[in-house]
C-alpha atoms as a PDB file:
ATOM      1  CA  UNK A   1      13.258 -56.585  41.979  1.00  0.00           C
ATOM      2  CA  UNK A   2      16.888 -56.811  43.063  1.00  0.00           C
ATOM      3  CA  UNK A   3      19.067 -53.719  43.266  1.00  0.00           C
ATOM      4  CA  UNK A   4      20.995 -54.875  40.177  1.00  0.00           C
ATOM      5  CA  UNK A   5      17.780 -55.417  38.191  1.00  0.00           C
ATOM      6  CA  UNK A   6      16.506 -51.992  39.293  1.00  0.00           C
ATOM      7  CA  UNK A   7      19.794 -50.380  38.190  1.00  0.00           C
ATOM      8  CA  UNK A   8      19.637 -52.099  34.791  1.00  0.00           C
ATOM      9  CA  UNK A   9      15.997 -51.078  34.378  1.00  0.00           C
ATOM     10  CA  UNK A  10      16.808 -47.437  35.089  1.00  0.00           C
ATOM     11  CA  UNK A  11      19.706 -47.498  32.619  1.00  0.00           C
ATOM     12  CA  UNK A  12      17.489 -49.042  29.950  1.00  0.00           C
ATOM     13  CA  UNK A  13      15.099 -46.099  30.277  1.00  0.00           C
ATOM     14  CA  UNK A  14      17.867 -43.876  28.901  1.00  0.00           C
ATOM     15  CA  UNK A  15      18.150 -45.922  25.703  1.00  0.00           C
ATOM     16  CA  UNK A  16      16.391 -44.873  22.500  1.00  0.00           C
ATOM     17  CA  UNK A  17      13.143 -46.718  21.833  1.00  0.00           C
ATOM     18  CA  UNK A  18      14.569 -48.868  19.030  1.00  0.00           C
ATOM     19  CA  UNK A  19      17.380 -50.089  21.298  1.00  0.00           C
ATOM     20  CA  UNK A  20      14.906 -50.830  24.105  1.00  0.00           C
ATOM     21  CA  UNK A  21      12.762 -52.860  21.705  1.00  0.00           C
ATOM     22  CA  UNK A  22      15.832 -54.755  20.503  1.00  0.00           C
ATOM     23  CA  UNK A  23      16.784 -55.532  24.104  1.00  0.00           C
ATOM     24  CA  UNK A  24      13.245 -56.715  24.866  1.00  0.00           C
ATOM     25  CA  UNK A  25      13.406 -59.012  21.848  1.00  0.00           C
ATOM     26  CA  UNK A  26      16.713 -60.515  22.998  1.00  0.00           C
ATOM     27  CA  UNK A  27      15.421 -61.017  26.549  1.00  0.00           C
ATOM     28  CA  UNK A  28      12.283 -62.717  25.278  1.00  0.00           C
ATOM     29  CA  UNK A  29      14.377 -65.094  23.175  1.00  0.00           C
ATOM     30  CA  UNK A  30      16.382 -66.287  26.173  1.00  0.00           C
ATOM     31  CA  UNK A  31      13.291 -67.013  28.278  1.00  0.00           C
ATOM     32  CA  UNK A  32      11.043 -68.475  25.586  1.00  0.00           C
ATOM     33  CA  UNK A  33      10.459 -72.194  25.791  1.00  0.00           C
ATOM     34  CA  UNK A  34       8.581 -74.345  23.298  1.00  0.00           C
ATOM     35  CA  UNK A  35       4.834 -74.199  23.873  1.00  0.00           C
ATOM     36  CA  UNK A  36       3.029 -77.382  24.903  1.00  0.00           C
ATOM     37  CA  UNK A  37       0.685 -78.836  22.293  1.00  0.00           C
ATOM     38  CA  UNK A  38      -2.461 -77.618  24.060  1.00  0.00           C
ATOM     39  CA  UNK A  39      -1.205 -74.027  24.020  1.00  0.00           C
ATOM     40  CA  UNK A  40      -0.291 -74.336  20.341  1.00  0.00           C
ATOM     41  CA  UNK A  41      -3.779 -75.677  19.603  1.00  0.00           C
ATOM     42  CA  UNK A  42      -5.388 -72.807  21.523  1.00  0.00           C
ATOM     43  CA  UNK A  43      -3.355 -70.235  19.576  1.00  0.00           C
ATOM     44  CA  UNK A  44      -4.275 -71.893  16.278  1.00  0.00           C
ATOM     45  CA  UNK A  45      -7.964 -71.754  17.228  1.00  0.00           C
ATOM     46  CA  UNK A  46      -7.613 -68.099  18.266  1.00  0.00           C
ATOM     47  CA  UNK A  47      -5.796 -67.174  15.048  1.00  0.00           C
ATOM     48  CA  UNK A  48      -8.584 -68.733  12.976  1.00  0.00           C
ATOM     49  CA  UNK A  49     -11.170 -66.792  15.012  1.00  0.00           C
ATOM     50  CA  UNK A  50      -9.281 -63.527  14.531  1.00  0.00           C
ATOM     51  CA  UNK A  51      -8.949 -64.114  10.793  1.00  0.00           C
ATOM     52  CA  UNK A  52     -12.679 -64.836  10.542  1.00  0.00           C
ATOM     53  CA  UNK A  53     -13.412 -61.629  12.511  1.00  0.00           C
ATOM     54  CA  UNK A  54     -11.250 -59.605  10.123  1.00  0.00           C
ATOM     55  CA  UNK A  55     -12.797 -61.165   7.025  1.00  0.00           C
ATOM     56  CA  UNK A  56     -16.339 -60.610   8.326  1.00  0.00           C
ATOM     57  CA  UNK A  57     -15.640 -56.990   9.261  1.00  0.00           C
ATOM     58  CA  UNK A  58     -16.180 -57.652  12.966  1.00  0.00           C
ATOM     59  CA  UNK A  59     -12.558 -56.594  13.621  1.00  0.00           C
ATOM     60  CA  UNK A  60     -10.395 -54.086  11.814  1.00  0.00           C
ATOM     61  CA  UNK A  61      -6.653 -54.201  11.316  1.00  0.00           C
ATOM     62  CA  UNK A  62      -4.227 -51.404  12.133  1.00  0.00           C
ATOM     63  CA  UNK A  63      -1.291 -50.748   9.803  1.00  0.00           C
ATOM     64  CA  UNK A  64       2.041 -51.726  11.370  1.00  0.00           C
ATOM     65  CA  UNK A  65       3.411 -48.234  10.736  1.00  0.00           C
ATOM     66  CA  UNK A  66       0.613 -46.771  12.878  1.00  0.00           C
ATOM     67  CA  UNK A  67       1.234 -49.259  15.671  1.00  0.00           C
ATOM     68  CA  UNK A  68       4.971 -48.536  15.789  1.00  0.00           C
ATOM     69  CA  UNK A  69       4.389 -44.787  15.607  1.00  0.00           C
ATOM     70  CA  UNK A  70       2.054 -45.006  18.614  1.00  0.00           C
ATOM     71  CA  UNK A  71       4.609 -47.128  20.501  1.00  0.00           C
ATOM     72  CA  UNK A  72       7.365 -44.623  19.734  1.00  0.00           C
ATOM     73  CA  UNK A  73       5.209 -41.711  20.864  1.00  0.00           C
ATOM     74  CA  UNK A  74       4.193 -43.509  24.047  1.00  0.00           C
ATOM     75  CA  UNK A  75       7.745 -44.390  25.081  1.00  0.00           C
ATOM     76  CA  UNK A  76       9.560 -41.308  23.784  1.00  0.00           C
ATOM     77  CA  UNK A  77      11.520 -39.530  26.526  1.00  0.00           C
END
Protein backbone atom coordinates (compact mmCIF):
# COMPACT_ATOMS: atom_id res chain seq x y z
CA UNK A 1 0.00 0.00 0.00
CA UNK A 2 1.32 3.46 -0.84
CA UNK A 3 1.96 6.02 1.88
CA UNK A 4 -1.07 8.03 0.70
CA UNK A 5 -3.33 4.95 0.79
CA UNK A 6 -2.02 4.07 4.27
CA UNK A 7 -2.73 7.63 5.46
CA UNK A 8 -6.27 7.53 4.06
CA UNK A 9 -6.85 4.12 5.63
CA UNK A 10 -5.76 5.36 9.04
CA UNK A 11 -8.01 8.42 8.76
CA UNK A 12 -10.96 6.25 7.76
CA UNK A 13 -10.55 4.27 10.99
CA UNK A 14 -11.51 7.43 12.89
CA UNK A 15 -14.85 7.70 11.08
CA UNK A 16 -18.07 6.38 12.62
CA UNK A 17 -19.13 2.98 11.33
CA UNK A 18 -22.01 4.33 9.22
CA UNK A 19 -19.66 6.74 7.43
CA UNK A 20 -17.12 3.95 6.84
CA UNK A 21 -19.84 1.76 5.33
CA UNK A 22 -20.98 4.63 3.11
CA UNK A 23 -17.40 5.15 1.92
CA UNK A 24 -17.01 1.43 1.21
CA UNK A 25 -20.20 1.53 -0.84
CA UNK A 26 -18.95 4.48 -2.89
CA UNK A 27 -15.56 2.84 -3.48
CA UNK A 28 -17.21 -0.39 -4.60
CA UNK A 29 -19.36 1.53 -7.08
CA UNK A 30 -16.34 3.08 -8.79
CA UNK A 31 -14.54 -0.25 -9.22
CA UNK A 32 -17.51 -2.44 -10.12
CA UNK A 33 -17.68 -3.55 -13.72
CA UNK A 34 -20.49 -5.49 -15.37
CA UNK A 35 -20.18 -9.21 -14.73
CA UNK A 36 -19.58 -11.52 -17.68
CA UNK A 37 -22.47 -13.81 -18.57
CA UNK A 38 -20.84 -16.90 -17.05
CA UNK A 39 -20.46 -15.16 -13.69
CA UNK A 40 -24.08 -13.99 -13.84
CA UNK A 41 -25.19 -17.55 -14.60
CA UNK A 42 -23.14 -18.90 -11.68
CA UNK A 43 -24.70 -16.37 -9.29
CA UNK A 44 -28.19 -17.23 -10.53
CA UNK A 45 -27.50 -20.93 -9.93
CA UNK A 46 -26.12 -20.17 -6.46
CA UNK A 47 -29.10 -17.97 -5.56
CA UNK A 48 -31.50 -20.76 -6.53
CA UNK A 49 -29.49 -23.22 -4.40
CA UNK A 50 -29.54 -20.86 -1.41
CA UNK A 51 -33.28 -20.29 -1.75
CA UNK A 52 -33.87 -24.05 -1.90
CA UNK A 53 -31.68 -24.50 1.22
CA UNK A 54 -33.71 -21.88 3.09
CA UNK A 55 -37.04 -23.36 2.02
CA UNK A 56 -35.96 -26.89 2.98
CA UNK A 57 -34.65 -25.77 6.37
CA UNK A 58 -31.07 -26.71 5.51
CA UNK A 59 -30.06 -23.05 5.97
CA UNK A 60 -31.47 -20.41 8.27
CA UNK A 61 -31.70 -16.69 7.65
CA UNK A 62 -30.46 -13.98 9.99
CA UNK A 63 -32.50 -10.79 10.40
CA UNK A 64 -30.79 -7.78 8.82
CA UNK A 65 -31.01 -5.89 12.12
CA UNK A 66 -28.95 -8.63 13.80
CA UNK A 67 -26.36 -8.60 11.04
CA UNK A 68 -25.90 -4.82 11.20
CA UNK A 69 -25.79 -4.86 14.99
CA UNK A 70 -22.99 -7.45 14.88
CA UNK A 71 -21.12 -5.38 12.27
CA UNK A 72 -21.45 -2.25 14.40
CA UNK A 73 -20.23 -4.07 17.50
CA UNK A 74 -17.30 -5.59 15.62
CA UNK A 75 -16.09 -2.30 14.15
CA UNK A 76 -16.97 0.03 17.03
CA UNK A 77 -13.95 1.97 18.28
